[in-house]
Amino acid sequence: MGENGLAAIPTAVYGFVLLMAAIAYLILERAIVAKEGRDSFVARAIGPDWKGKLSAVLYFAAIPLAFVSPWIAAALYVFVALLWLIPDLESSGNWRTAKSNQGRNAVSITKHN
């Protein structure tokens, strides 16, 4: 993108690569939750994962937008990157709850043995 001055095709291709990475992330996340179970530590820690879903939607929207305005598409890519720098309070709370529940389960298993 940088070498071509935000030309439409490189900007759209970059968005496609980002979209494929986002989809791979969502597939991996679902596979882990399916393997571990919906009540697992990982599933509780991840929560609804609105950032992952929103990222994929914004990348998908930015690809055709790159042919209309590559600058707006690039701005969406930057927005998604910055979005991941902001702590997700809901997931953070889910992580703490899941971690504390995991510790309680370990203690209760130890007591029954």
PDB file of N, CA and C in Angstrom:
ATOM      1  N   MET A   1       0.827  -1.194   0.000  1.00  0.00           N
ATOM      2  CA  MET A   1       0.000   0.000   0.000  1.00  0.00           C
ATOM      3  C   MET A   1       0.865   1.248   0.000  1.00  0.00           C
ATOM      4  N   GLY A   2       1.898   1.275   0.798  1.00  0.00           N
ATOM      5  CA  GLY A   2       2.719   2.471   0.920  1.00  0.00           C
ATOM      6  C   GLY A   2       3.483   2.811  -0.341  1.00  0.00           C
ATOM      7  N   GLU A   3       3.983   1.804  -1.039  1.00  0.00           N
ATOM      8  CA  GLU A   3       4.752   2.049  -2.259  1.00  0.00           C
ATOM      9  C   GLU A   3       3.882   2.538  -3.403  1.00  0.00           C
ATOM     10  N   ASN A   4       2.595   2.251  -3.338  1.00  0.00           N
ATOM     11  CA  ASN A   4       1.683   2.607  -4.423  1.00  0.00           C
ATOM     12  C   ASN A   4       0.800   3.800  -4.100  1.00  0.00           C
ATOM     13  N   GLY A   5       1.117   4.509  -3.045  1.00  0.00           N
ATOM     14  CA  GLY A   5       0.343   5.704  -2.696  1.00  0.00           C
ATOM     15  C   GLY A   5      -1.128   5.435  -2.449  1.00  0.00           C
ATOM     16  N   LEU A   6      -1.436   4.347  -1.777  1.00  0.00           N
ATOM     17  CA  LEU A   6      -2.810   3.938  -1.490  1.00  0.00           C
ATOM     18  C   LEU A   6      -3.644   3.760  -2.756  1.00  0.00           C
ATOM     19  N   ALA A   7      -3.086   3.083  -3.725  1.00  0.00           N
ATOM     20  CA  ALA A   7      -3.852   2.733  -4.926  1.00  0.00           C
ATOM     21  C   ALA A   7      -4.941   1.735  -4.532  1.00  0.00           C
ATOM     22  N   ALA A   8      -5.991   1.681  -5.307  1.00  0.00           N
ATOM     23  CA  ALA A   8      -7.171   0.890  -4.958  1.00  0.00           C
ATOM     24  C   ALA A   8      -6.880  -0.609  -4.846  1.00  0.00           C
ATOM     25  N   ILE A   9      -6.209  -1.184  -5.820  1.00  0.00           N
ATOM     26  CA  ILE A   9      -6.003  -2.641  -5.815  1.00  0.00           C
ATOM     27  C   ILE A   9      -5.109  -3.089  -4.656  1.00  0.00           C
ATOM     28  N   PRO A  10      -3.946  -2.480  -4.423  1.00  0.00           N
ATOM     29  CA  PRO A  10      -3.155  -2.909  -3.263  1.00  0.00           C
ATOM     30  C   PRO A  10      -3.890  -2.708  -1.931  1.00  0.00           C
ATOM     31  N   THR A  11      -4.665  -1.654  -1.833  1.00  0.00           N
ATOM     32  CA  THR A  11      -5.418  -1.409  -0.600  1.00  0.00           C
ATOM     33  C   THR A  11      -6.477  -2.486  -0.401  1.00  0.00           C
ATOM     34  N   ALA A  12      -7.153  -2.871  -1.482  1.00  0.00           N
ATOM     35  CA  ALA A  12      -8.163  -3.927  -1.395  1.00  0.00           C
ATOM     36  C   ALA A  12      -7.521  -5.285  -1.088  1.00  0.00           C
ATOM     37  N   VAL A  13      -6.389  -5.567  -1.695  1.00  0.00           N
ATOM     38  CA  VAL A  13      -5.691  -6.837  -1.445  1.00  0.00           C
ATOM     39  C   VAL A  13      -5.222  -6.900   0.008  1.00  0.00           C
ATOM     40  N   TYR A  14      -4.724  -5.795   0.518  1.00  0.00           N
ATOM     41  CA  TYR A  14      -4.322  -5.740   1.928  1.00  0.00           C
ATOM     42  C   TYR A  14      -5.530  -6.023   2.826  1.00  0.00           C
ATOM     43  N   GLY A  15      -6.668  -5.447   2.478  1.00  0.00           N
ATOM     44  CA  GLY A  15      -7.892  -5.712   3.241  1.00  0.00           C
ATOM     45  C   GLY A  15      -8.294  -7.168   3.173  1.00  0.00           C
ATOM     46  N   PHE A  16      -8.108  -7.788   2.006  1.00  0.00           N
ATOM     47  CA  PHE A  16      -8.424  -9.208   1.860  1.00  0.00           C
ATOM     48  C   PHE A  16      -7.531 -10.056   2.772  1.00  0.00           C
ATOM     49  N   VAL A  17      -6.261  -9.724   2.830  1.00  0.00           N
ATOM     50  CA  VAL A  17      -5.335 -10.453   3.710  1.00  0.00           C
ATOM     51  C   VAL A  17      -5.750 -10.279   5.173  1.00  0.00           C
ATOM     52  N   LEU A  18      -6.109  -9.069   5.550  1.00  0.00           N
ATOM     53  CA  LEU A  18      -6.568  -8.824   6.918  1.00  0.00           C
ATOM     54  C   LEU A  18      -7.860  -9.583   7.212  1.00  0.00           C
ATOM     55  N   LEU A  19      -8.773  -9.610   6.233  1.00  0.00           N
ATOM     56  CA  LEU A  19     -10.030 -10.344   6.403  1.00  0.00           C
ATOM     57  C   LEU A  19      -9.775 -11.833   6.592  1.00  0.00           C
ATOM     58  N   MET A  20      -8.870 -12.392   5.807  1.00  0.00           N
ATOM     59  CA  MET A  20      -8.568 -13.817   5.948  1.00  0.00           C
ATOM     60  C   MET A  20      -7.952 -14.118   7.318  1.00  0.00           C
ATOM     61  N   ALA A  21      -7.107 -13.217   7.812  1.00  0.00           N
ATOM     62  CA  ALA A  21      -6.530 -13.392   9.153  1.00  0.00           C
ATOM     63  C   ALA A  21      -7.627 -13.319  10.222  1.00  0.00           C
ATOM     64  N   ALA A  22      -8.567 -12.402  10.054  1.00  0.00           N
ATOM     65  CA  ALA A  22      -9.671 -12.270  11.019  1.00  0.00           C
ATOM     66  C   ALA A  22     -10.553 -13.514  11.008  1.00  0.00           C
ATOM     67  N   ILE A  23     -10.825 -14.041   9.821  1.00  0.00           N
ATOM     68  CA  ILE A  23     -11.644 -15.250   9.724  1.00  0.00           C
ATOM     69  C   ILE A  23     -10.902 -16.435  10.336  1.00  0.00           C
ATOM     70  N   ALA A  24      -9.608 -16.541  10.089  1.00  0.00           N
ATOM     71  CA  ALA A  24      -8.819 -17.619  10.681  1.00  0.00           C
ATOM     72  C   ALA A  24      -8.843 -17.530  12.204  1.00  0.00           C
ATOM     73  N   TYR A  25      -8.758 -16.322  12.730  1.00  0.00           N
ATOM     74  CA  TYR A  25      -8.821 -16.116  14.180  1.00  0.00           C
ATOM     75  C   TYR A  25     -10.169 -16.594  14.731  1.00  0.00           C
ATOM     76  N   LEU A  26     -11.254 -16.226  14.057  1.00  0.00           N
ATOM     77  CA  LEU A  26     -12.582 -16.630  14.524  1.00  0.00           C
ATOM     78  C   LEU A  26     -12.758 -18.146  14.450  1.00  0.00           C
ATOM     79  N   ILE A  27     -12.249 -18.767  13.384  1.00  0.00           N
ATOM     80  CA  ILE A  27     -12.333 -20.225  13.257  1.00  0.00           C
ATOM     81  C   ILE A  27     -11.526 -20.907  14.356  1.00  0.00           C
ATOM     82  N   LEU A  28     -10.322 -20.414  14.598  1.00  0.00           N
ATOM     83  CA  LEU A  28      -9.484 -20.982  15.655  1.00  0.00           C
ATOM     84  C   LEU A  28     -10.158 -20.849  17.015  1.00  0.00           C
ATOM     85  N   GLU A  29     -10.703 -19.691  17.265  1.00  0.00           N
ATOM     86  CA  GLU A  29     -11.386 -19.452  18.534  1.00  0.00           C
ATOM     87  C   GLU A  29     -12.550 -20.421  18.717  1.00  0.00           C
ATOM     88  N   ARG A  30     -13.359 -20.590  17.680  1.00  0.00           N
ATOM     89  CA  ARG A  30     -14.506 -21.508  17.755  1.00  0.00           C
ATOM     90  C   ARG A  30     -14.050 -22.958  17.908  1.00  0.00           C
ATOM     91  N   ALA A  31     -12.982 -23.326  17.246  1.00  0.00           N
ATOM     92  CA  ALA A  31     -12.475 -24.695  17.358  1.00  0.00           C
ATOM     93  C   ALA A  31     -11.997 -24.983  18.779  1.00  0.00           C
ATOM     94  N   ILE A  32     -11.328 -24.028  19.378  1.00  0.00           N
ATOM     95  CA  ILE A  32     -10.853 -24.211  20.752  1.00  0.00           C
ATOM     96  C   ILE A  32     -12.026 -24.326  21.715  1.00  0.00           C
ATOM     97  N   VAL A  33     -13.024 -23.451  21.540  1.00  0.00           N
ATOM     98  CA  VAL A  33     -14.197 -23.501  22.422  1.00  0.00           C
ATOM     99  C   VAL A  33     -14.968 -24.803  22.207  1.00  0.00           C
ATOM    100  N   ALA A  34     -15.077 -25.267  20.964  1.00  0.00           N
ATOM    101  CA  ALA A  34     -15.767 -26.534  20.691  1.00  0.00           C
ATOM    102  C   ALA A  34     -15.040 -27.704  21.352  1.00  0.00           C
ATOM    103  N   LYS A  35     -13.719 -27.673  21.321  1.00  0.00           N
ATOM    104  CA  LYS A  35     -12.925 -28.747  21.922  1.00  0.00           C
ATOM    105  C   LYS A  35     -13.001 -28.716  23.447  1.00  0.00           C
ATOM    106  N   GLU A  36     -12.912 -27.524  24.009  1.00  0.00           N
ATOM    107  CA  GLU A  36     -12.882 -27.383  25.467  1.00  0.00           C
ATOM    108  C   GLU A  36     -14.276 -27.375  26.099  1.00  0.00           C
ATOM    109  N   GLY A  37     -15.285 -26.986  25.339  1.00  0.00           N
ATOM    110  CA  GLY A  37     -16.647 -26.914  25.870  1.00  0.00           C
ATOM    111  C   GLY A  37     -17.064 -25.479  26.146  1.00  0.00           C
ATOM    112  N   ARG A  38     -18.357 -25.255  26.078  1.00  0.00           N
ATOM    113  CA  ARG A  38     -18.905 -23.902  26.247  1.00  0.00           C
ATOM    114  C   ARG A  38     -18.749 -23.376  27.682  1.00  0.00           C
ATOM    115  N   ASP A  39     -18.600 -24.261  28.631  1.00  0.00           N
ATOM    116  CA  ASP A  39     -18.431 -23.839  30.028  1.00  0.00           C
ATOM    117  C   ASP A  39     -16.974 -23.854  30.455  1.00  0.00           C
ATOM    118  N   SER A  40     -16.064 -23.975  29.506  1.00  0.00           N
ATOM    119  CA  SER A  40     -14.644 -24.070  29.824  1.00  0.00           C
ATOM    120  C   SER A  40     -14.073 -22.710  30.215  1.00  0.00           C
ATOM    121  N   PHE A  41     -12.886 -22.780  30.757  1.00  0.00           N
ATOM    122  CA  PHE A  41     -12.148 -21.573  31.132  1.00  0.00           C
ATOM    123  C   PHE A  41     -11.961 -20.647  29.931  1.00  0.00           C
ATOM    124  N   VAL A  42     -11.583 -21.218  28.796  1.00  0.00           N
ATOM    125  CA  VAL A  42     -11.332 -20.416  27.593  1.00  0.00           C
ATOM    126  C   VAL A  42     -12.615 -19.758  27.107  1.00  0.00           C
ATOM    127  N   ALA A  43     -13.704 -20.499  27.050  1.00  0.00           N
ATOM    128  CA  ALA A  43     -14.978 -19.952  26.574  1.00  0.00           C
ATOM    129  C   ALA A  43     -15.449 -18.808  27.464  1.00  0.00           C
ATOM    130  N   ARG A  44     -15.312 -18.977  28.766  1.00  0.00           N
ATOM    131  CA  ARG A  44     -15.728 -17.899  29.679  1.00  0.00           C
ATOM    132  C   ARG A  44     -14.813 -16.693  29.555  1.00  0.00           C
ATOM    133  N   ALA A  45     -13.531 -16.932  29.337  1.00  0.00           N
ATOM    134  CA  ALA A  45     -12.579 -15.824  29.219  1.00  0.00           C
ATOM    135  C   ALA A  45     -12.795 -15.043  27.921  1.00  0.00           C
ATOM    136  N   ILE A  46     -13.105 -15.723  26.840  1.00  0.00           N
ATOM    137  CA  ILE A  46     -13.315 -15.050  25.555  1.00  0.00           C
ATOM    138  C   ILE A  46     -14.605 -14.242  25.566  1.00  0.00           C
ATOM    139  N   GLY A  47     -15.646 -14.810  26.117  1.00  0.00           N
ATOM    140  CA  GLY A  47     -16.929 -14.117  26.138  1.00  0.00           C
ATOM    141  C   GLY A  47     -17.509 -13.993  24.730  1.00  0.00           C
ATOM    142  N   PRO A  48     -18.247 -12.928  24.453  1.00  0.00           N
ATOM    143  CA  PRO A  48     -18.891 -12.786  23.145  1.00  0.00           C
ATOM    144  C   PRO A  48     -17.923 -12.403  22.018  1.00  0.00           C
ATOM    145  N   ASP A  49     -16.739 -11.922  22.319  1.00  0.00           N
ATOM    146  CA  ASP A  49     -15.712 -11.529  21.349  1.00  0.00           C
ATOM    147  C   ASP A  49     -16.243 -10.591  20.284  1.00  0.00           C
ATOM    148  N   TRP A  50     -16.760  -9.475  20.707  1.00  0.00           N
ATOM    149  CA  TRP A  50     -17.300  -8.500  19.752  1.00  0.00           C
ATOM    150  C   TRP A  50     -16.203  -7.864  18.909  1.00  0.00           C
ATOM    151  N   LYS A  51     -14.986  -7.779  19.432  1.00  0.00           N
ATOM    152  CA  LYS A  51     -13.898  -7.188  18.651  1.00  0.00           C
ATOM    153  C   LYS A  51     -13.521  -8.052  17.453  1.00  0.00           C
ATOM    154  N   GLY A  52     -13.474  -9.347  17.642  1.00  0.00           N
ATOM    155  CA  GLY A  52     -13.142 -10.247  16.546  1.00  0.00           C
ATOM    156  C   GLY A  52     -14.173 -10.185  15.434  1.00  0.00           C
ATOM    157  N   LYS A  53     -15.438 -10.177  15.821  1.00  0.00           N
ATOM    158  CA  LYS A  53     -16.516 -10.123  14.827  1.00  0.00           C
ATOM    159  C   LYS A  53     -16.557  -8.768  14.134  1.00  0.00           C
ATOM    160  N   LEU A  54     -16.407  -7.697  14.905  1.00  0.00           N
ATOM    161  CA  LEU A  54     -16.420  -6.355  14.326  1.00  0.00           C
ATOM    162  C   LEU A  54     -15.246  -6.154  13.385  1.00  0.00           C
ATOM    163  N   SER A  55     -14.100  -6.693  13.732  1.00  0.00           N
ATOM    164  CA  SER A  55     -12.915  -6.584  12.868  1.00  0.00           C
ATOM    165  C   SER A  55     -13.184  -7.203  11.506  1.00  0.00           C
ATOM    166  N   ALA A  56     -13.741  -8.405  11.495  1.00  0.00           N
ATOM    167  CA  ALA A  56     -14.031  -9.083  10.231  1.00  0.00           C
ATOM    168  C   ALA A  56     -15.036  -8.289   9.398  1.00  0.00           C
ATOM    169  N   VAL A  57     -16.047  -7.746  10.041  1.00  0.00           N
ATOM    170  CA  VAL A  57     -17.056  -6.952   9.323  1.00  0.00           C
ATOM    171  C   VAL A  57     -16.433  -5.694   8.732  1.00  0.00           C
ATOM    172  N   LEU A  58     -15.593  -5.001   9.497  1.00  0.00           N
ATOM    173  CA  LEU A  58     -14.969  -3.776   8.994  1.00  0.00           C
ATOM    174  C   LEU A  58     -13.990  -4.065   7.857  1.00  0.00           C
ATOM    175  N   TYR A  59     -13.242  -5.148   7.960  1.00  0.00           N
ATOM    176  CA  TYR A  59     -12.347  -5.523   6.864  1.00  0.00           C
ATOM    177  C   TYR A  59     -13.148  -5.852   5.608  1.00  0.00           C
ATOM    178  N   PHE A  60     -14.244  -6.581   5.780  1.00  0.00           N
ATOM    179  CA  PHE A  60     -15.097  -6.943   4.652  1.00  0.00           C
ATOM    180  C   PHE A  60     -15.669  -5.691   3.981  1.00  0.00           C
ATOM    181  N   ALA A  61     -16.070  -4.716   4.787  1.00  0.00           N
ATOM    182  CA  ALA A  61     -16.610  -3.469   4.239  1.00  0.00           C
ATOM    183  C   ALA A  61     -15.534  -2.627   3.568  1.00  0.00           C
ATOM    184  N   ALA A  62     -14.319  -2.701   4.062  1.00  0.00           N
ATOM    185  CA  ALA A  62     -13.236  -1.865   3.540  1.00  0.00           C
ATOM    186  C   ALA A  62     -12.743  -2.323   2.172  1.00  0.00           C
ATOM    187  N   ILE A  63     -12.921  -3.594   1.848  1.00  0.00           N
ATOM    188  CA  ILE A  63     -12.406  -4.101   0.564  1.00  0.00           C
ATOM    189  C   ILE A  63     -13.076  -3.399  -0.618  1.00  0.00           C
ATOM    190  N   PRO A  64     -14.404  -3.405  -0.753  1.00  0.00           N
ATOM    191  CA  PRO A  64     -14.994  -2.660  -1.876  1.00  0.00           C
ATOM    192  C   PRO A  64     -14.829  -1.152  -1.720  1.00  0.00           C
ATOM    193  N   LEU A  65     -14.765  -0.692  -0.472  1.00  0.00           N
ATOM    194  CA  LEU A  65     -14.587   0.733  -0.228  1.00  0.00           C
ATOM    195  C   LEU A  65     -13.229   1.224  -0.736  1.00  0.00           C
ATOM    196  N   ALA A  66     -12.265   0.321  -0.811  1.00  0.00           N
ATOM    197  CA  ALA A  66     -10.937   0.689  -1.310  1.00  0.00           C
ATOM    198  C   ALA A  66     -11.004   1.178  -2.757  1.00  0.00           C
ATOM    199  N   PHE A  67     -11.972   0.723  -3.520  1.00  0.00           N
ATOM    200  CA  PHE A  67     -12.113   1.160  -4.907  1.00  0.00           C
ATOM    201  C   PHE A  67     -12.820   2.502  -5.013  1.00  0.00           C
ATOM    202  N   VAL A  68     -13.535   2.897  -3.962  1.00  0.00           N
ATOM    203  CA  VAL A  68     -14.199   4.205  -3.923  1.00  0.00           C
ATOM    204  C   VAL A  68     -13.273   5.240  -3.311  1.00  0.00           C
ATOM    205  N   SER A  69     -12.726   4.904  -2.137  1.00  0.00           N
ATOM    206  CA  SER A  69     -11.815   5.807  -1.436  1.00  0.00           C
ATOM    207  C   SER A  69     -10.783   4.988  -0.657  1.00  0.00           C
ATOM    208  N   PRO A  70      -9.614   4.791  -1.231  1.00  0.00           N
ATOM    209  CA  PRO A  70      -8.586   4.006  -0.523  1.00  0.00           C
ATOM    210  C   PRO A  70      -8.201   4.604   0.825  1.00  0.00           C
ATOM    211  N   TRP A  71      -8.300   5.905   0.948  1.00  0.00           N
ATOM    212  CA  TRP A  71      -7.957   6.552   2.228  1.00  0.00           C
ATOM    213  C   TRP A  71      -8.923   6.146   3.335  1.00  0.00           C
ATOM    214  N   ILE A  72     -10.202   6.059   3.014  1.00  0.00           N
ATOM    215  CA  ILE A  72     -11.184   5.650   4.028  1.00  0.00           C
ATOM    216  C   ILE A  72     -10.968   4.179   4.392  1.00  0.00           C
ATOM    217  N   ALA A  73     -10.668   3.350   3.394  1.00  0.00           N
ATOM    218  CA  ALA A  73     -10.390   1.937   3.675  1.00  0.00           C
ATOM    219  C   ALA A  73      -9.166   1.811   4.583  1.00  0.00           C
ATOM    220  N   ALA A  74      -8.117   2.556   4.280  1.00  0.00           N
ATOM    221  CA  ALA A  74      -6.916   2.527   5.113  1.00  0.00           C
ATOM    222  C   ALA A  74      -7.224   3.024   6.525  1.00  0.00           C
ATOM    223  N   ALA A  75      -8.082   4.026   6.619  1.00  0.00           N
ATOM    224  CA  ALA A  75      -8.481   4.526   7.941  1.00  0.00           C
ATOM    225  C   ALA A  75      -9.219   3.445   8.731  1.00  0.00           C
ATOM    226  N   LEU A  76     -10.024   2.635   8.044  1.00  0.00           N
ATOM    227  CA  LEU A  76     -10.701   1.530   8.726  1.00  0.00           C
ATOM    228  C   LEU A  76      -9.697   0.498   9.232  1.00  0.00           C
ATOM    229  N   TYR A  77      -8.674   0.221   8.437  1.00  0.00           N
ATOM    230  CA  TYR A  77      -7.638  -0.727   8.870  1.00  0.00           C
ATOM    231  C   TYR A  77      -6.931  -0.205  10.124  1.00  0.00           C
ATOM    232  N   VAL A  78      -6.630   1.068  10.138  1.00  0.00           N
ATOM    233  CA  VAL A  78      -5.977   1.670  11.304  1.00  0.00           C
ATOM    234  C   VAL A  78      -6.924   1.655  12.503  1.00  0.00           C
ATOM    235  N   PHE A  79      -8.198   1.950  12.263  1.00  0.00           N
ATOM    236  CA  PHE A  79      -9.190   1.939  13.346  1.00  0.00           C
ATOM    237  C   PHE A  79      -9.254   0.563  14.002  1.00  0.00           C
ATOM    238  N   VAL A  80      -9.278  -0.496  13.192  1.00  0.00           N
ATOM    239  CA  VAL A  80      -9.346  -1.851  13.748  1.00  0.00           C
ATOM    240  C   VAL A  80      -8.089  -2.151  14.571  1.00  0.00           C
ATOM    241  N   ALA A  81      -6.941  -1.742  14.075  1.00  0.00           N
ATOM    242  CA  ALA A  81      -5.695  -1.964  14.829  1.00  0.00           C
ATOM    243  C   ALA A  81      -5.744  -1.237  16.174  1.00  0.00           C
ATOM    244  N   LEU A  82      -6.214  -0.009  16.157  1.00  0.00           N
ATOM    245  CA  LEU A  82      -6.314   0.753  17.408  1.00  0.00           C
ATOM    246  C   LEU A  82      -7.371   0.167  18.332  1.00  0.00           C
ATOM    247  N   LEU A  83      -8.422  -0.395  17.763  1.00  0.00           N
ATOM    248  CA  LEU A  83      -9.478  -1.012  18.552  1.00  0.00           C
ATOM    249  C   LEU A  83      -8.924  -2.137  19.428  1.00  0.00           C
ATOM    250  N   TRP A  84      -7.946  -2.873  18.902  1.00  0.00           N
ATOM    251  CA  TRP A  84      -7.372  -3.978  19.649  1.00  0.00           C
ATOM    252  C   TRP A  84      -6.407  -3.511  20.742  1.00  0.00           C
ATOM    253  N   LEU A  85      -6.019  -2.240  20.714  1.00  0.00           N
ATOM    254  CA  LEU A  85      -5.167  -1.709  21.779  1.00  0.00           C
ATOM    255  C   LEU A  85      -5.972  -1.301  23.008  1.00  0.00           C
ATOM    256  N   ILE A  86      -7.262  -1.070  22.819  1.00  0.00           N
ATOM    257  CA  ILE A  86      -8.135  -0.672  23.918  1.00  0.00           C
ATOM    258  C   ILE A  86      -8.524  -1.925  24.702  1.00  0.00           C
ATOM    259  N   PRO A  87      -8.293  -1.938  26.004  1.00  0.00           N
ATOM    260  CA  PRO A  87      -8.668  -3.117  26.790  1.00  0.00           C
ATOM    261  C   PRO A  87     -10.173  -3.362  26.733  1.00  0.00           C
ATOM    262  N   ASP A  88     -10.538  -4.602  26.565  1.00  0.00           N
ATOM    263  CA  ASP A  88     -11.936  -4.994  26.546  1.00  0.00           C
ATOM    264  C   ASP A  88     -12.340  -5.336  27.972  1.00  0.00           C
ATOM    265  N   LEU A  89     -13.058  -4.445  28.599  1.00  0.00           N
ATOM    266  CA  LEU A  89     -13.384  -4.627  30.017  1.00  0.00           C
ATOM    267  C   LEU A  89     -14.238  -5.861  30.250  1.00  0.00           C
ATOM    268  N   GLU A  90     -15.134  -6.161  29.316  1.00  0.00           N
ATOM    269  CA  GLU A  90     -15.980  -7.334  29.483  1.00  0.00           C
ATOM    270  C   GLU A  90     -15.151  -8.619  29.439  1.00  0.00           C
ATOM    271  N   SER A  91     -14.266  -8.723  28.469  1.00  0.00           N
ATOM    272  CA  SER A  91     -13.416  -9.912  28.384  1.00  0.00           C
ATOM    273  C   SER A  91     -12.454  -9.972  29.553  1.00  0.00           C
ATOM    274  N   SER A  92     -11.979  -8.817  29.989  1.00  0.00           N
ATOM    275  CA  SER A  92     -11.086  -8.783  31.137  1.00  0.00           C
ATOM    276  C   SER A  92     -11.807  -9.312  32.376  1.00  0.00           C
ATOM    277  N   GLY A  93     -13.053  -8.899  32.552  1.00  0.00           N
ATOM    278  CA  GLY A  93     -13.854  -9.402  33.667  1.00  0.00           C
ATOM    279  C   GLY A  93     -14.132 -10.885  33.522  1.00  0.00           C
ATOM    280  N   ASN A  94     -14.412 -11.319  32.285  1.00  0.00           N
ATOM    281  CA  ASN A  94     -14.629 -12.743  32.030  1.00  0.00           C
ATOM    282  C   ASN A  94     -13.380 -13.542  32.359  1.00  0.00           C
ATOM    283  N   TRP A  95     -12.221 -12.999  32.018  1.00  0.00           N
ATOM    284  CA  TRP A  95     -10.947 -13.678  32.275  1.00  0.00           C
ATOM    285  C   TRP A  95     -10.740 -13.843  33.774  1.00  0.00           C
ATOM    286  N   ARG A  96     -10.968 -12.752  34.521  1.00  0.00           N
ATOM    287  CA  ARG A  96     -10.784 -12.838  35.976  1.00  0.00           C
ATOM    288  C   ARG A  96     -11.768 -13.836  36.592  1.00  0.00           C
ATOM    289  N   THR A  97     -13.024 -13.795  36.153  1.00  0.00           N
ATOM    290  CA  THR A  97     -14.027 -14.716  36.682  1.00  0.00           C
ATOM    291  C   THR A  97     -13.671 -16.153  36.341  1.00  0.00           C
ATOM    292  N   ALA A  98     -13.283 -16.380  35.100  1.00  0.00           N
ATOM    293  CA  ALA A  98     -12.919 -17.732  34.678  1.00  0.00           C
ATOM    294  C   ALA A  98     -11.711 -18.225  35.448  1.00  0.00           C
ATOM    295  N   LYS A  99     -10.726 -17.360  35.651  1.00  0.00           N
ATOM    296  CA  LYS A  99      -9.509 -17.738  36.375  1.00  0.00           C
ATOM    297  C   LYS A  99      -9.837 -18.077  37.822  1.00  0.00           C
ATOM    298  N   SER A 100     -10.690 -17.262  38.468  1.00  0.00           N
ATOM    299  CA  SER A 100     -11.025 -17.538  39.864  1.00  0.00           C
ATOM    300  C   SER A 100     -11.854 -18.807  39.975  1.00  0.00           C
ATOM    301  N   ASN A 101     -12.739 -19.059  39.014  1.00  0.00           N
ATOM    302  CA  ASN A 101     -13.523 -20.298  39.028  1.00  0.00           C
ATOM    303  C   ASN A 101     -12.632 -21.508  38.807  1.00  0.00           C
ATOM    304  N   GLN A 102     -11.621 -21.364  37.973  1.00  0.00           N
ATOM    305  CA  GLN A 102     -10.702 -22.469  37.722  1.00  0.00           C
ATOM    306  C   GLN A 102      -9.960 -22.811  39.018  1.00  0.00           C
ATOM    307  N   GLY A 103      -9.557 -21.791  39.749  1.00  0.00           N
ATOM    308  CA  GLY A 103      -8.864 -22.015  41.022  1.00  0.00           C
ATOM    309  C   GLY A 103      -9.760 -22.701  42.035  1.00  0.00           C
ATOM    310  N   ARG A 104     -11.027 -22.304  42.086  1.00  0.00           N
ATOM    311  CA  ARG A 104     -11.976 -22.933  43.008  1.00  0.00           C
ATOM    312  C   ARG A 104     -12.202 -24.394  42.637  1.00  0.00           C
ATOM    313  N   ASN A 105     -12.317 -24.672  41.350  1.00  0.00           N
ATOM    314  CA  ASN A 105     -12.514 -26.050  40.911  1.00  0.00           C
ATOM    315  C   ASN A 105     -11.320 -26.906  41.273  1.00  0.00           C
ATOM    316  N   ALA A 106     -10.130 -26.377  41.148  1.00  0.00           N
ATOM    317  CA  ALA A 106      -8.922 -27.133  41.492  1.00  0.00           C
ATOM    318  C   ALA A 106      -8.905 -27.448  42.978  1.00  0.00           C
ATOM    319  N   VAL A 107      -9.331 -26.495  43.810  1.00  0.00           N
ATOM    320  CA  VAL A 107      -9.352 -26.700  45.248  1.00  0.00           C
ATOM    321  C   VAL A 107     -10.410 -27.746  45.606  1.00  0.00           C
ATOM    322  N   SER A 108     -11.598 -27.653  44.998  1.00  0.00           N
ATOM    323  CA  SER A 108     -12.650 -28.605  45.338  1.00  0.00           C
ATOM    324  C   SER A 108     -12.295 -30.009  44.876  1.00  0.00           C
ATOM    325  N   ILE A 109     -11.601 -30.154  43.756  1.00  0.00           N
ATOM    326  CA  ILE A 109     -11.182 -31.470  43.299  1.00  0.00           C
ATOM    327  C   ILE A 109     -10.163 -32.053  44.274  1.00  0.00           C
ATOM    328  N   THR A 110      -9.262 -31.211  44.743  1.00  0.00           N
ATOM    329  CA  THR A 110      -8.231 -31.669  45.680  1.00  0.00           C
ATOM    330  C   THR A 110      -8.876 -32.138  46.981  1.00  0.00           C
ATOM    331  N   LYS A 111      -9.890 -31.425  47.461  1.00  0.00           N
ATOM    332  CA  LYS A 111     -10.523 -31.769  48.721  1.00  0.00           C
ATOM    333  C   LYS A 111     -11.262 -33.116  48.631  1.00  0.00           C
ATOM    334  N   HIS A 112     -11.846 -33.423  47.463  1.00  0.00           N
ATOM    335  CA  HIS A 112     -12.621 -34.658  47.338  1.00  0.00           C
ATOM    336  C   HIS A 112     -11.741 -35.877  47.142  1.00  0.00           C
ATOM    337  N   ASN A 113     -10.524 -35.699  46.743  1.00  0.00           N
ATOM    338  CA  ASN A 113      -9.634 -36.847  46.521  1.00  0.00           C
ATOM    339  C   ASN A 113      -9.065 -37.235  47.812  1.00  0.00           C
TER     340      ASN A 113
END
